[in-house]
Protein backbone atom coordinates (compact mmCIF):
# COMPACT_ATOMS: atom_id res chain seq x y z
CA MET A 1 10.46 121.43 24.95
CA GLN A 2 13.58 119.25 25.05
CA ASP A 3 11.86 116.90 27.48
CA ILE A 4 8.91 116.44 25.03
CA LEU A 5 11.40 115.81 22.19
CA ALA A 6 13.29 113.29 24.23
CA LEU A 7 9.97 111.57 25.06
CA CYS A 8 9.07 111.37 21.45
CA ASP A 9 12.48 109.95 20.45
CA LEU A 10 12.03 107.32 23.28
CA ALA A 11 8.52 106.37 22.10
CA ILE A 12 9.60 106.02 18.38
CA ASP A 13 12.62 103.85 19.47
CA VAL A 14 10.29 101.49 21.58
CA ILE A 15 7.89 101.34 18.52
CA ARG A 16 10.78 100.65 15.95
CA LYS A 17 12.08 97.76 18.20
CA LYS A 18 8.70 96.37 18.60
CA LYS A 19 8.10 96.63 14.85
CA GLU A 20 11.20 94.79 14.18
CA ILE A 21 10.09 91.80 16.32
CA PHE A 22 6.58 91.86 14.61
CA ALA A 23 8.34 91.60 11.21
CA ARG A 24 9.94 88.34 12.41
CA LEU A 25 6.95 86.64 14.02
CA GLU A 26 5.87 84.46 10.99
CA ARG A 27 9.40 83.24 10.47
CA GLU A 28 10.15 82.99 14.20
CA PRO A 29 6.83 82.38 16.02
CA GLU A 30 8.50 81.48 19.34
CA LEU A 31 9.21 85.33 19.58
CA ILE A 32 5.52 85.77 20.64
CA LEU A 33 6.32 83.53 23.69
CA THR A 34 9.60 85.29 24.57
CA ASP A 35 10.37 88.73 23.23
CA LEU A 36 7.08 90.31 22.15
CA PHE A 37 5.83 91.16 25.60
CA ASN A 38 7.71 92.30 28.80
CA PRO A 39 6.23 90.40 31.68
CA SER A 40 7.97 92.71 34.20
CA LEU A 41 5.36 95.43 33.25
CA SER A 42 2.26 95.65 35.29
CA HIS A 43 0.08 95.56 32.06
CA PRO A 44 2.41 94.13 29.21
CA TYR A 45 -0.46 93.75 27.02
CA TYR A 46 -1.02 97.60 26.92
CA GLU A 47 2.62 98.34 26.30
CA LEU A 48 3.11 101.56 24.16
CA PRO A 49 3.24 99.92 20.75
CA PHE A 50 0.16 97.87 21.15
CA ARG A 51 -1.75 101.07 22.24
CA THR A 52 -1.47 102.15 18.73
CA VAL A 53 -4.20 99.76 17.88
CA GLU A 54 -6.56 102.31 19.57
CA HIS A 55 -5.63 104.81 17.10
CA SER A 56 -5.75 102.94 13.89
CA GLU A 57 -8.51 104.92 12.52
CA GLU A 58 -6.65 108.14 13.34
CA LEU A 59 -3.73 106.93 11.42
CA GLY A 60 -5.87 106.34 8.31
CA LEU A 61 -6.23 102.66 8.60
CA GLN A 62 -9.25 100.40 9.05
CA ARG A 63 -10.31 100.21 12.66
CA MET A 64 -8.54 97.45 14.64
CA TYR A 65 -9.37 95.83 17.97
CA TYR A 66 -7.15 94.41 20.60
CA HIS A 67 -9.07 91.03 20.10
CA GLN A 68 -7.98 90.86 16.50
CA VAL A 69 -4.44 91.32 17.34
CA GLN A 70 -4.75 88.68 19.99
CA GLU A 71 -6.40 86.30 17.72
CA ARG A 72 -3.64 86.67 14.98
CA LEU A 73 -0.87 86.12 17.60
CA VAL A 74 -2.66 82.98 19.00
CA GLY A 75 -3.22 81.62 15.57
CA ILE A 76 0.53 81.78 14.88
CA VAL A 77 1.47 80.23 18.23
CA ALA A 78 -1.03 77.42 17.75
CA CYS A 79 0.45 76.44 14.32
CA TYR A 80 3.92 76.51 15.89
CA LEU A 81 3.21 74.57 18.99
CA SER A 82 1.18 72.07 17.00
CA ASP A 83 4.43 71.35 15.11
CA LEU A 84 5.95 70.37 18.45
CA ASP A 85 2.94 68.06 19.25
CA SER A 86 0.36 67.52 16.62
CA GLY A 87 -2.03 65.71 18.92
CA VAL A 88 -2.93 68.86 21.01
CA LYS A 89 -5.20 71.89 20.41
CA ILE A 90 -4.11 75.22 21.32
CA SER A 91 -7.05 77.85 22.02
CA LEU A 92 -7.83 81.11 23.81
CA LYS A 93 -9.16 80.50 27.28
CA ASN A 94 -11.79 83.37 26.62
CA LYS A 95 -11.80 84.66 23.02
CA ASN A 96 -14.03 87.63 24.17
CA TYR A 97 -11.83 88.79 26.72
CA TYR A 98 -8.45 90.70 26.24
CA PRO A 99 -5.91 89.75 27.56
CA SER A 100 -6.69 86.04 27.51
CA SER A 101 -4.35 83.30 28.31
CA CYS A 102 -4.21 80.12 26.03
CA ILE A 103 -5.11 76.47 26.90
CA ILE A 104 -3.37 73.34 25.53
CA SER A 105 -5.93 70.49 25.55
CA PHE A 106 -5.71 66.82 24.27
CA GLN A 107 -8.87 65.21 23.14
CA ASP A 108 -10.89 68.09 24.84
CA TYR A 109 -9.24 67.56 28.05
CA PRO A 110 -7.33 70.66 29.34
CA ILE A 111 -3.69 70.03 30.29
CA VAL A 112 -2.03 73.37 30.77
CA GLU A 113 -2.69 77.08 30.65
CA PHE A 114 0.06 79.50 29.48
CA ASP A 115 0.00 83.29 29.23
CA PHE A 116 2.48 84.85 26.80
CA TYR A 117 1.70 88.46 28.09
CA ARG A 118 3.00 87.62 31.72
CA HIS A 119 4.92 84.38 30.87
CA THR A 120 3.12 82.19 33.21
CA PHE A 121 2.33 78.42 33.12
CA LYS A 122 -0.22 76.52 35.03
CA ASP A 123 -1.22 72.82 35.48
CA LEU A 124 -4.86 72.25 34.92
CA ARG A 125 -5.07 68.51 35.38
CA LYS A 126 -5.88 68.41 39.09
CA GLU A 127 -8.50 70.98 39.01
CA TYR A 128 -10.15 69.44 36.07
CA ALA A 129 -10.08 65.92 37.70
CA GLU A 130 -11.49 67.32 40.82
CA ASN A 131 -14.36 69.05 38.99
CA LEU A 132 -15.28 65.75 37.27
CA GLU A 133 -15.17 63.96 40.59
CA ARG A 134 -17.35 66.59 42.35
CA THR A 135 -19.70 66.42 39.54
CA PHE A 136 -20.13 62.72 39.63
CA GLU A 137 -20.45 62.58 43.39
CA TYR A 138 -23.20 65.34 43.29
CA SER A 139 -25.06 63.82 40.60
CA SER A 140 -24.92 60.25 42.24
CA LYS A 141 -26.10 61.56 45.54
CA THR A 142 -29.01 63.57 43.86
CA ALA A 143 -30.04 60.43 41.88
CA LYS A 144 -29.90 58.23 45.21
CA GLU A 145 -32.10 60.96 47.08
CA THR A 146 -34.54 61.21 44.12
CA ARG A 147 -34.72 57.30 44.00
CA GLU A 148 -35.57 57.08 47.65
CA GLU A 149 -38.13 59.93 47.39
CA PHE A 150 -39.76 57.86 44.51
CA THR A 151 -39.78 54.66 46.42
CA LYS A 152 -41.38 56.39 49.50
CA TRP A 153 -44.27 57.96 47.66
CA THR A 154 -44.78 54.87 45.49
CA LYS A 155 -45.05 52.65 48.67
CA TRP A 156 -47.46 55.21 50.23
CA TYR A 157 -50.00 55.28 47.39
CA SER A 158 -49.77 51.62 46.58
CA THR A 159 -49.95 50.60 50.32
CA PRO A 160 -51.79 53.52 52.09
CA ALA A 161 -51.78 51.85 55.51
CA LEU A 162 -48.04 52.68 55.71
CA MET A 163 -49.06 56.30 56.00
CA LEU A 164 -50.70 55.56 59.35
CA ASP A 165 -47.45 53.95 60.96
CA GLY A 166 -46.71 55.77 64.30
CA GLY A 167 -49.80 58.02 63.92
CA GLY A 168 -52.37 58.64 66.71
CA TRP A 169 -56.13 58.60 66.48
CA ARG A 170 -56.28 62.05 65.06
CA GLU A 171 -54.14 61.35 62.30
CA LYS A 172 -55.89 58.04 61.42
CA LEU A 173 -59.19 59.81 61.52
CA PHE A 174 -57.91 62.52 59.17
CA PHE A 175 -56.59 59.91 56.84
CA LEU A 176 -59.93 58.07 56.66
CA LEU A 177 -61.64 61.39 55.96
CA GLN A 178 -59.21 62.48 53.30
CA ARG A 179 -58.16 59.11 52.09
CA LYS A 180 -58.80 59.65 48.35
CA ARG A 181 -57.19 62.98 48.31
CA ILE A 182 -54.03 61.89 50.33
CA ILE A 183 -53.57 58.88 47.94
CA ALA A 184 -53.81 61.00 44.83
CA GLY A 185 -51.34 63.44 46.24
CA ALA A 186 -48.84 60.61 47.00
CA ARG A 187 -49.39 59.34 43.41
CA SER A 188 -48.73 62.68 42.03
CA LYS A 189 -45.59 63.16 44.05
CA ALA A 190 -44.38 59.71 43.03
CA GLU A 191 -44.81 60.53 39.34
CA ALA A 192 -43.06 63.86 39.70
CA ALA A 193 -40.15 62.05 41.49
CA ARG A 194 -40.15 59.33 38.77
CA ALA A 195 -39.77 62.09 36.06
CA ARG A 196 -36.92 63.82 38.02
CA LEU A 197 -35.33 60.34 38.68
CA ILE A 198 -35.08 59.64 35.07
CA LEU A 199 -33.11 62.89 34.49
CA ASP A 200 -30.94 62.52 37.52
CA GLU A 201 -29.91 58.95 36.66
CA GLU A 202 -29.11 60.08 32.99
CA ARG A 203 -26.87 62.94 34.58
CA ALA A 204 -25.28 60.69 36.94
CA ALA A 205 -24.47 58.03 34.19
CA LYS A 206 -23.01 60.72 31.89
CA SER A 207 -20.79 62.22 34.66
CA GLU A 208 -19.61 58.69 35.50
CA ASP A 209 -18.80 58.10 31.96
CA LYS A 210 -16.87 61.38 31.61
CA LEU A 211 -14.85 60.44 34.75
CA ARG A 212 -14.11 56.97 33.45
CA LYS A 213 -12.87 58.26 30.02
CA TYR A 214 -10.82 60.88 31.70
CA ARG A 215 -9.13 58.21 33.86
CA GLU A 216 -8.48 56.17 30.79
CA VAL A 217 -6.55 58.98 29.15
CA ARG A 218 -4.89 60.53 32.16
CA SER A 219 -1.52 58.76 31.68
CA GLU A 220 -1.25 60.24 28.21
CA LEU A 221 -2.27 63.62 29.67
CA ASP A 222 0.50 63.30 32.18
CA HIS A 223 3.08 62.45 29.54
CA LYS A 224 2.03 65.56 27.55
CA TYR A 225 2.09 67.73 30.69
CA ASP A 226 5.70 66.81 31.39
CA PHE A 227 6.64 67.79 27.79
CA TRP A 228 4.93 71.15 27.98
CA GLU A 229 6.30 71.83 31.44
CA GLY A 230 9.71 71.15 30.20
CA TYR A 231 9.23 73.44 27.21
CA PHE A 232 7.57 76.64 28.93
CA VAL A 233 9.15 76.39 32.39
CA GLY A 234 12.36 74.65 31.54
CA LYS A 235 13.27 76.25 28.25
CA LEU A 236 11.35 79.59 28.02
CA GLY A 237 11.60 80.30 31.76
CA TYR A 238 7.89 80.70 32.46
CA SER A 239 6.91 81.23 36.03
CA LYS A 240 4.69 78.14 37.27
CA LEU A 241 1.60 78.94 39.04
CA ASN A 242 -0.09 76.83 41.75
């Protein structure tokens, strides 16, 4: 039984030490970013003291969930980091997922992602900018193709003779026999293309506006990134992810 007793003593000691850190968090919130979790563990977010959350009801308390603990910790971290830079917003990357990393954003533009469980830091600017550019390029290309389709069908029903360009006598005969139906079909396709064109041009305009606004604020984002990289990587020793 000595091995079991030793195991219990070790578990009690681990929980006691973690409890001491928890007791200091509101006064020293930076401990959440540095000492609360051990990044050398394969699953630091399921370290022994935190697994007691699963047994909250057995211990006579109201049922607790990992998400609740995570939200409380992030709330404390958000207040602390906002004191360092009041212009940024700190939020969970996925509030419905545990464990979740956090995002630091400015004017709804993501700057960095940090994980206080694994002590990692990631630059989000390039990925976000590339997504905006891809969205703009795709929406512009789609609008251009729809515009060309609309122009083609409009010409065909307004000038039916264009349909016969390059056609042989069979095609011309078929056109003469089915003229009304073919023209009506071209008009219907032109109207459908016009409806799509309105939506496609709106999407292209919105994506262009988003990209323009992002470029306008990019220098400020770069400045803030430098600050947070210096804090997390330089001061706290977080690992920088590619």
